[in-house]
Amino acid sequence: MKPGRLPLRPIFLLTDFGLEDWYVGAMKAEIHRRAPDATIIDLSHGVPPQNVAAGAFVLNAALNSVPSDAVLCCVVDPGVGSHRRAIWGRIGTHYFSGPDNGLATPLLERASDFELFEIPAPLLTPEEPSLTFQGRDLFAPAAALLAEGYPFHLGPPVADPVRLSLDPEETADGIRARVMLVDRFGNLITNIWREKYEAKFDQPFEIQAGPLRITQISKTFSNVPAGSPLAYWGSAGTLEIGINMGSAAEIAGKISIIDVVFK
């Protein structure tokens, strides 16, 4: 950092790129080329491919640990190269660069205001940008400029960013939830938010997750015998289904829906 310069905003990366290929490294290299003093922190690169809702869920789970004034460069982008908007700007106390496909929903839901604009591609991209790797050629450069405090009021304003519904469906007799993620331990992470729905579980209920049936909420895995299923409020603030010393995903299979029936 040059003497007299203010510290750069840290950049947090969230993608569905995985770590097997060069994609994440190329994004970091592009950021470093443009803002060599910026701190780059990985939130996750394990979002299920093309799953924008899961990406938004991961972003929401991590936000409480992200400091204000940070830049969030988020790329889960099945519409890459299409007519979907590429956006950057300020959302509440954070800054964002990424596709306008609902990925920024958690930021928008928490913010009292925002200033978003379409990224002016000629300002950022190489002479022959890739239409399939805008994470490197568009969003990483935008994040680097945001980290440096560059004015982002340049492209067309975006007053109506895409928002997703991350809530479960309330049914006549309970809740129909989505499995948003399966972690590496095989735990099924749902979109039943503790803050909104915990009180409902004061009445008798049955959680139906494939062949698994659970009728109480546990505090932690050791509350049930080894090999037994349990439901608990996980660190993301939502209901999770697990197996003590095992994998709920292996037993339940590739389910995407979990039902809670109140009795």
Protein backbone atom coordinates (compact mmCIF):
# COMPACT_ATOMS: atom_id res chain seq x y z
CA MET A 1 0.00 0.00 0.00
CA LYS A 2 1.35 3.42 -0.93
CA PRO A 3 1.99 5.87 1.94
CA GLY A 4 -1.02 8.03 2.65
CA ARG A 5 -3.56 5.72 1.00
CA LEU A 6 -6.55 4.48 2.93
CA PRO A 7 -6.81 0.71 3.46
CA LEU A 8 -8.65 -1.05 0.68
CA ARG A 9 -11.97 -2.72 1.36
CA PRO A 10 -11.61 -6.51 1.77
CA ILE A 11 -13.08 -8.66 -0.98
CA PHE A 12 -15.09 -11.78 -0.13
CA LEU A 13 -15.58 -14.35 -2.90
CA LEU A 14 -18.57 -16.68 -3.26
CA THR A 15 -18.86 -18.94 -6.32
CA ASP A 16 -19.97 -22.34 -7.55
CA PHE A 17 -16.61 -22.88 -9.29
CA GLY A 18 -15.16 -25.50 -6.94
CA LEU A 19 -11.40 -25.73 -6.52
CA GLU A 20 -10.51 -28.35 -9.10
CA ASP A 21 -10.15 -25.91 -12.02
CA TRP A 22 -8.38 -22.58 -12.51
CA TYR A 23 -11.47 -20.39 -12.27
CA VAL A 24 -11.08 -19.20 -8.68
CA GLY A 25 -7.35 -18.64 -9.14
CA ALA A 26 -7.97 -16.62 -12.28
CA MET A 27 -10.47 -14.39 -10.48
CA LYS A 28 -8.03 -13.80 -7.63
CA ALA A 29 -5.22 -13.08 -10.09
CA GLU A 30 -7.38 -10.50 -11.87
CA ILE A 31 -8.25 -8.82 -8.58
CA HIS A 32 -4.60 -8.83 -7.51
CA ARG A 33 -3.51 -7.35 -10.84
CA ARG A 34 -5.85 -4.42 -10.40
CA ALA A 35 -5.80 -4.02 -6.61
CA PRO A 36 -2.64 -5.74 -5.32
CA ASP A 37 -3.13 -4.48 -1.76
CA ALA A 38 -6.66 -5.81 -1.39
CA THR A 39 -7.31 -8.68 1.02
CA ILE A 40 -9.19 -11.54 -0.66
CA ILE A 41 -11.19 -13.94 1.51
CA ASP A 42 -13.03 -17.06 0.35
CA LEU A 43 -16.55 -17.48 1.68
CA SER A 44 -17.22 -20.62 -0.36
CA HIS A 45 -16.59 -22.07 -3.79
CA GLY A 46 -18.68 -25.15 -3.07
CA VAL A 47 -22.13 -23.85 -3.97
CA PRO A 48 -23.90 -26.54 -6.03
CA PRO A 49 -23.37 -25.72 -9.73
CA GLN A 50 -25.90 -23.27 -11.21
CA ASN A 51 -27.93 -23.24 -7.97
CA VAL A 52 -28.58 -19.54 -7.42
CA ALA A 53 -30.92 -20.11 -4.47
CA ALA A 54 -28.26 -22.19 -2.70
CA GLY A 55 -25.72 -19.45 -3.39
CA ALA A 56 -28.01 -16.85 -1.85
CA PHE A 57 -28.54 -19.17 1.13
CA VAL A 58 -24.78 -19.54 1.66
CA LEU A 59 -24.35 -15.79 1.38
CA ASN A 60 -27.04 -15.24 4.01
CA ALA A 61 -25.43 -17.78 6.33
CA ALA A 62 -22.05 -16.05 6.07
CA LEU A 63 -23.18 -12.42 6.23
CA ASN A 64 -23.05 -12.07 10.00
CA SER A 65 -19.31 -12.75 9.81
CA VAL A 66 -18.65 -10.27 6.98
CA PRO A 67 -17.65 -6.79 8.19
CA SER A 68 -19.46 -3.71 6.99
CA ASP A 69 -17.83 -1.83 4.10
CA ALA A 70 -16.60 -5.13 2.59
CA VAL A 71 -16.99 -6.06 -1.07
CA LEU A 72 -18.90 -9.23 -1.88
CA CYS A 73 -18.01 -10.63 -5.30
CA CYS A 74 -20.57 -13.38 -5.88
CA VAL A 75 -20.71 -15.53 -9.01
CA VAL A 76 -23.31 -18.27 -9.35
CA ASP A 77 -24.36 -17.47 -12.85
CA PRO A 78 -26.23 -19.96 -15.05
CA GLY A 79 -27.25 -17.02 -17.25
CA VAL A 80 -23.67 -15.98 -17.99
CA GLY A 81 -23.34 -14.27 -21.36
CA SER A 82 -27.10 -13.78 -21.72
CA HIS A 83 -29.17 -10.61 -21.38
CA ARG A 84 -29.31 -10.84 -17.57
CA ARG A 85 -27.85 -7.70 -15.99
CA ALA A 86 -24.39 -7.56 -14.45
CA ILE A 87 -24.49 -5.25 -11.45
CA TRP A 88 -22.26 -3.50 -8.96
CA GLY A 89 -22.67 -0.91 -6.26
CA ARG A 90 -23.65 -0.48 -2.63
CA ILE A 91 -26.28 -2.49 -0.77
CA GLY A 92 -26.71 -1.20 2.75
CA THR A 93 -23.28 -1.18 4.38
CA HIS A 94 -21.72 -3.61 1.90
CA TYR A 95 -20.64 -3.49 -1.73
CA PHE A 96 -21.59 -6.08 -4.35
CA SER A 97 -20.54 -7.22 -7.78
CA GLY A 98 -22.26 -10.12 -9.50
CA PRO A 99 -25.12 -11.19 -11.73
CA ASP A 100 -28.58 -9.74 -11.18
CA ASN A 101 -30.28 -13.10 -10.72
CA GLY A 102 -31.32 -13.05 -7.06
CA LEU A 103 -27.93 -13.90 -5.63
CA ALA A 104 -27.87 -10.57 -3.78
CA THR A 105 -31.24 -11.24 -2.09
CA PRO A 106 -29.85 -11.60 1.47
CA LEU A 107 -28.06 -8.27 1.18
CA LEU A 108 -31.16 -6.57 -0.21
CA GLU A 109 -33.39 -8.04 2.51
CA ARG A 110 -31.13 -6.69 5.26
CA ALA A 111 -30.47 -3.28 3.73
CA SER A 112 -32.49 -0.11 4.22
CA ASP A 113 -31.27 1.29 0.90
CA PHE A 114 -29.06 0.47 -2.06
CA GLU A 115 -27.34 2.05 -5.05
CA LEU A 116 -26.91 -0.45 -7.87
CA PHE A 117 -25.87 0.05 -11.48
CA GLU A 118 -25.17 -2.09 -14.50
CA ILE A 119 -21.45 -2.66 -14.88
CA PRO A 120 -20.11 -0.61 -17.81
CA ALA A 121 -18.26 -3.43 -19.54
CA PRO A 122 -15.94 -1.28 -21.71
CA LEU A 123 -14.44 0.19 -18.52
CA LEU A 124 -13.49 -3.17 -17.09
CA THR A 125 -13.17 -6.01 -19.56
CA PRO A 126 -10.26 -7.03 -21.78
CA GLU A 127 -10.40 -6.42 -25.51
CA GLU A 128 -11.87 -9.86 -26.13
CA PRO A 129 -13.76 -10.83 -22.96
CA SER A 130 -15.07 -14.35 -22.52
CA LEU A 131 -18.84 -14.66 -22.67
CA THR A 132 -18.62 -17.73 -20.43
CA PHE A 133 -16.23 -16.45 -17.74
CA GLN A 134 -17.52 -13.09 -16.64
CA GLY A 135 -16.41 -13.89 -13.10
CA ARG A 136 -12.86 -13.15 -14.25
CA ASP A 137 -13.54 -10.57 -16.95
CA LEU A 138 -16.34 -8.53 -15.37
CA PHE A 139 -17.13 -9.21 -11.72
CA ALA A 140 -13.56 -9.57 -10.40
CA PRO A 141 -12.43 -6.28 -12.00
CA ALA A 142 -15.56 -4.56 -10.66
CA ALA A 143 -14.81 -5.91 -7.18
CA ALA A 144 -11.24 -4.61 -7.39
CA LEU A 145 -12.49 -1.13 -8.26
CA LEU A 146 -15.05 -1.22 -5.45
CA ALA A 147 -12.29 -2.22 -3.04
CA GLU A 148 -10.34 0.87 -4.09
CA GLY A 149 -13.32 3.16 -3.60
CA TYR A 150 -13.81 3.78 -7.30
CA PRO A 151 -17.08 5.61 -8.12
CA PHE A 152 -19.58 3.05 -9.33
CA HIS A 153 -22.32 5.47 -10.46
CA LEU A 154 -21.42 4.93 -14.10
CA GLY A 155 -23.71 2.40 -15.77
CA PRO A 156 -27.51 2.47 -16.05
CA PRO A 157 -29.13 2.50 -12.58
CA VAL A 158 -30.84 -0.68 -11.37
CA ALA A 159 -33.92 0.14 -9.31
CA ASP A 160 -35.46 -3.33 -9.42
CA PRO A 161 -32.80 -5.97 -8.66
CA VAL A 162 -34.02 -9.55 -8.84
CA ARG A 163 -35.03 -11.03 -5.49
CA LEU A 164 -35.63 -14.66 -4.58
CA SER A 165 -37.93 -16.15 -1.98
CA LEU A 166 -35.79 -18.14 0.43
CA ASP A 167 -38.69 -19.07 2.73
CA PRO A 168 -40.43 -22.46 2.92
CA GLU A 169 -44.04 -23.05 1.85
CA GLU A 170 -46.63 -23.06 4.60
CA THR A 171 -49.19 -25.80 3.99
CA ALA A 172 -52.58 -26.57 5.56
CA ASP A 173 -51.02 -28.87 8.16
CA GLY A 174 -47.40 -27.75 8.35
CA ILE A 175 -44.36 -26.59 6.42
CA ARG A 176 -42.89 -27.81 3.15
CA ALA A 177 -39.21 -26.93 3.16
CA ARG A 178 -36.44 -27.15 0.61
CA VAL A 179 -33.09 -28.83 1.16
CA MET A 180 -30.90 -25.86 0.36
CA LEU A 181 -27.58 -27.59 0.88
CA VAL A 182 -26.03 -30.89 1.88
CA ASP A 183 -22.79 -30.31 3.78
CA ARG A 184 -19.76 -32.57 3.64
CA PHE A 185 -21.01 -34.49 6.69
CA GLY A 186 -24.25 -35.39 4.93
CA ASN A 187 -26.43 -33.03 6.98
CA LEU A 188 -29.53 -31.72 5.19
CA ILE A 189 -29.74 -27.95 5.60
CA THR A 190 -33.26 -26.61 5.10
CA ASN A 191 -34.78 -23.16 4.63
CA ILE A 192 -36.87 -23.32 7.83
CA TRP A 193 -35.56 -20.22 9.56
CA ARG A 194 -35.26 -20.49 13.33
CA GLU A 195 -36.14 -16.83 13.86
CA LYS A 196 -39.45 -17.21 12.01
CA TYR A 197 -40.55 -20.77 12.77
CA GLU A 198 -39.07 -21.99 16.06
CA ALA A 199 -42.23 -21.24 18.05
CA LYS A 200 -44.27 -23.55 15.78
CA PHE A 201 -42.27 -26.52 17.03
CA ASP A 202 -43.69 -26.12 20.54
CA GLN A 203 -46.61 -28.27 19.36
CA PRO A 204 -46.39 -31.98 18.40
CA PHE A 205 -44.88 -32.49 14.96
CA GLU A 206 -43.30 -35.01 12.66
CA ILE A 207 -40.47 -34.17 10.29
CA GLN A 208 -40.55 -36.32 7.16
CA ALA A 209 -37.25 -36.46 5.29
CA GLY A 210 -37.41 -39.37 2.89
CA PRO A 211 -37.53 -42.47 5.12
CA LEU A 212 -36.47 -40.48 8.19
CA ARG A 213 -39.08 -39.54 10.79
CA ILE A 214 -38.20 -37.14 13.63
CA THR A 215 -40.54 -35.86 16.35
CA GLN A 216 -38.34 -33.64 18.51
CA ILE A 217 -35.69 -30.94 18.20
CA SER A 218 -32.28 -31.81 19.64
CA LYS A 219 -29.62 -29.40 20.81
CA THR A 220 -26.69 -31.33 19.41
CA PHE A 221 -25.73 -34.69 17.90
CA SER A 222 -24.88 -36.39 21.19
CA ASN A 223 -28.50 -35.99 22.32
CA VAL A 224 -29.36 -39.09 20.27
CA PRO A 225 -27.67 -42.51 20.05
CA ALA A 226 -25.07 -43.13 17.38
CA GLY A 227 -26.77 -43.93 14.08
CA SER A 228 -30.01 -42.17 15.04
CA PRO A 229 -31.51 -39.22 13.14
CA LEU A 230 -32.01 -35.81 14.68
CA ALA A 231 -33.30 -32.37 13.84
CA TYR A 232 -31.52 -29.33 15.26
CA TRP A 233 -31.10 -25.61 14.70
CA GLY A 234 -27.86 -25.30 12.77
CA SER A 235 -25.24 -22.58 12.60
CA ALA A 236 -26.87 -21.05 9.50
CA GLY A 237 -29.93 -20.28 11.61
CA THR A 238 -32.14 -22.90 9.99
CA LEU A 239 -33.40 -26.39 10.74
CA GLU A 240 -31.01 -29.19 9.79
CA ILE A 241 -31.44 -32.96 9.63
CA GLY A 242 -28.51 -35.17 10.56
CA ILE A 243 -27.46 -38.59 11.77
CA ASN A 244 -25.26 -38.90 14.84
CA MET A 245 -21.98 -40.42 13.56
CA GLY A 246 -23.52 -40.87 10.11
CA SER A 247 -24.90 -39.20 7.00
CA ALA A 248 -28.54 -38.20 6.63
CA ALA A 249 -27.99 -37.73 2.91
CA GLU A 250 -26.93 -41.35 2.47
CA ILE A 251 -30.07 -42.62 4.19
CA ALA A 252 -32.56 -40.08 2.84
CA GLY A 253 -31.18 -40.13 -0.70
CA LYS A 254 -31.24 -37.17 -3.06
CA ILE A 255 -34.34 -35.57 -1.65
CA SER A 256 -35.05 -31.88 -2.25
CA ILE A 257 -38.18 -31.52 -0.09
CA ILE A 258 -38.70 -32.02 3.65
CA ASP A 259 -42.20 -31.88 5.16
CA VAL A 260 -43.06 -30.89 8.71
CA VAL A 261 -46.54 -32.00 9.80
CA PHE A 262 -48.02 -30.45 12.93
CA LYS A 263 -50.43 -32.67 14.84
